[in-house]
Amino acid sequence: MAQATLVENQIEDGERLVEALLRANFAVEAVCWIRTSEDERWYLYIASKLVDDKGPAAAYRDIHLAMRQIPDVRIGPFEVKAIGAADSITIDVLEFQRRYPTQVPAWFHGARLGDVSIDEAYIYAPVRP
């Protein structure tokens, strides 16, 4: 099977979505695109305490509302995965950001994030409210 390539449009739209969420006071802990070893598609993972506090339905409602407010967004609603701040993926992304501090996004080519086997990931710079 052919592997999907993460394209600049997806990366830019991910940044635009995070900006819209922050403007709406949505608590964003970490953001990354991940292609798992089991799937050839990329998914935008958005980590938030809202998932831990009020559940994923509340997070998805706010995320989808923010997406509808972005002109010409090219990320589909099913390409986004809301995860909690306590999720093992979030913990590993934050650890990566602590270990390699930078204000720019970075590619991650490790074998795992949390308990998920991955092919690769694109980790956005640490989120600043």
Protein backbone atom coordinates (compact mmCIF):
# COMPACT_ATOMS: atom_id res chain seq x y z
CA MET A 1 0.00 0.00 0.00
CA ALA A 2 1.16 3.50 -0.73
CA GLN A 3 1.86 5.68 2.27
CA ALA A 4 0.23 9.08 2.41
CA THR A 5 2.50 12.09 2.57
CA LEU A 6 1.83 14.91 5.00
CA VAL A 7 1.54 18.01 2.87
CA GLU A 8 2.21 21.66 3.62
CA ASN A 9 -1.53 22.45 3.40
CA GLN A 10 -2.27 20.06 6.26
CA ILE A 11 0.54 21.50 8.36
CA GLU A 12 -0.64 25.07 7.77
CA ASP A 13 -4.27 24.20 8.46
CA GLY A 14 -3.21 22.50 11.70
CA GLU A 15 -1.53 25.74 12.75
CA ARG A 16 -4.62 27.73 11.79
CA LEU A 17 -6.83 25.37 13.79
CA VAL A 18 -4.65 25.69 16.89
CA GLU A 19 -4.75 29.48 16.60
CA ALA A 20 -8.56 29.40 16.32
CA LEU A 21 -8.81 27.09 19.34
CA LEU A 22 -6.57 29.33 21.43
CA ARG A 23 -8.67 32.38 20.47
CA ALA A 24 -11.72 30.45 21.71
CA ASN A 25 -9.93 29.73 25.05
CA PHE A 26 -9.70 26.02 24.29
CA ALA A 27 -6.95 24.50 26.46
CA VAL A 28 -4.39 23.04 24.04
CA GLU A 29 -1.57 21.04 25.63
CA ALA A 30 0.12 19.63 22.53
CA VAL A 31 -0.53 19.13 18.82
CA CYS A 32 0.96 16.74 16.29
CA TRP A 33 0.25 14.91 13.07
CA ILE A 34 0.74 11.14 13.41
CA ARG A 35 0.76 8.35 10.87
CA THR A 36 0.45 5.09 12.77
CA SER A 37 2.01 1.87 11.58
CA GLU A 38 -1.47 0.39 11.13
CA ASP A 39 -2.91 3.19 8.99
CA GLU A 40 -1.59 4.94 5.90
CA ARG A 41 -3.43 8.19 6.71
CA TRP A 42 -2.29 11.14 8.79
CA TYR A 43 -4.33 12.30 11.77
CA LEU A 44 -4.05 15.56 13.69
CA TYR A 45 -3.90 14.79 17.41
CA ILE A 46 -4.96 17.64 19.67
CA ALA A 47 -4.27 17.11 23.36
CA SER A 48 -6.45 19.00 25.82
CA LYS A 49 -7.42 18.89 29.49
CA LEU A 50 -10.99 19.35 28.26
CA VAL A 51 -10.98 15.70 27.15
CA ASP A 52 -9.97 14.64 30.68
CA ASP A 53 -12.42 17.01 32.39
CA LYS A 54 -15.54 16.89 30.20
CA GLY A 55 -14.95 14.02 27.79
CA PRO A 56 -14.10 13.76 24.11
CA ALA A 57 -17.57 14.82 22.88
CA ALA A 58 -17.14 18.28 24.43
CA ALA A 59 -13.67 18.59 22.89
CA TYR A 60 -14.84 17.51 19.43
CA ARG A 61 -17.74 19.95 19.58
CA ASP A 62 -15.36 22.86 20.24
CA ILE A 63 -12.81 21.65 17.68
CA HIS A 64 -15.42 21.27 14.94
CA LEU A 65 -16.87 24.69 15.74
CA ALA A 66 -13.39 26.22 15.38
CA MET A 67 -12.85 24.32 12.10
CA ARG A 68 -16.05 25.75 10.62
CA GLN A 69 -14.79 29.27 11.37
CA ILE A 70 -11.59 28.82 9.34
CA PRO A 71 -11.97 29.81 5.69
CA ASP A 72 -10.96 27.11 3.20
CA VAL A 73 -9.80 24.65 5.85
CA ARG A 74 -8.55 21.45 4.22
CA ILE A 75 -8.64 19.24 7.31
CA GLY A 76 -11.71 17.06 7.54
CA PRO A 77 -13.47 16.52 10.87
CA PHE A 78 -12.55 12.83 10.82
CA GLU A 79 -8.85 13.64 10.45
CA VAL A 80 -8.73 15.09 13.98
CA LYS A 81 -8.32 13.03 17.14
CA ALA A 82 -8.91 14.68 20.51
CA ILE A 83 -6.87 13.13 23.32
CA GLY A 84 -6.48 14.01 26.96
CA ALA A 85 -3.59 15.74 28.66
CA ALA A 86 -2.97 12.50 30.56
CA ASP A 87 -2.90 10.37 27.39
CA SER A 88 0.36 8.47 26.84
CA ILE A 89 0.80 10.15 23.43
CA THR A 90 0.53 13.59 25.04
CA ILE A 91 3.05 12.63 27.72
CA ASP A 92 5.56 11.46 25.10
CA VAL A 93 5.06 14.55 22.90
CA LEU A 94 5.60 16.86 25.88
CA GLU A 95 8.68 14.87 26.88
CA PHE A 96 10.05 15.18 23.33
CA GLN A 97 9.49 18.95 23.49
CA ARG A 98 11.27 19.14 26.87
CA ARG A 99 14.16 17.02 25.66
CA TYR A 100 14.58 18.97 22.41
CA PRO A 101 13.46 22.52 23.24
CA THR A 102 12.74 24.61 20.18
CA GLN A 103 10.19 27.10 18.98
CA VAL A 104 9.74 25.40 15.62
CA PRO A 105 7.96 22.16 14.67
CA ALA A 106 9.99 18.97 14.43
CA TRP A 107 9.74 15.61 12.71
CA PHE A 108 9.74 12.59 15.00
CA HIS A 109 10.87 9.28 13.54
CA GLY A 110 10.70 7.09 16.62
CA ALA A 111 8.87 3.78 16.68
CA ARG A 112 6.26 4.77 19.27
CA LEU A 113 4.40 7.66 20.78
CA GLY A 114 2.70 6.54 23.95
CA ASP A 115 1.40 3.05 23.40
CA VAL A 116 0.91 3.59 19.66
CA SER A 117 3.26 2.18 17.05
CA ILE A 118 3.97 4.92 14.50
CA ASP A 119 5.72 5.41 11.18
CA GLU A 120 6.39 9.09 11.79
CA ALA A 121 5.03 12.22 13.40
CA TYR A 122 5.18 15.96 12.91
CA ILE A 123 5.19 17.67 16.30
CA TYR A 124 4.24 21.33 16.44
CA ALA A 125 6.23 23.73 18.60
CA PRO A 126 5.05 24.00 22.20
CA VAL A 127 1.69 25.74 22.40
CA ARG A 128 1.70 29.21 23.91
CA PRO A 129 -1.70 30.54 25.00
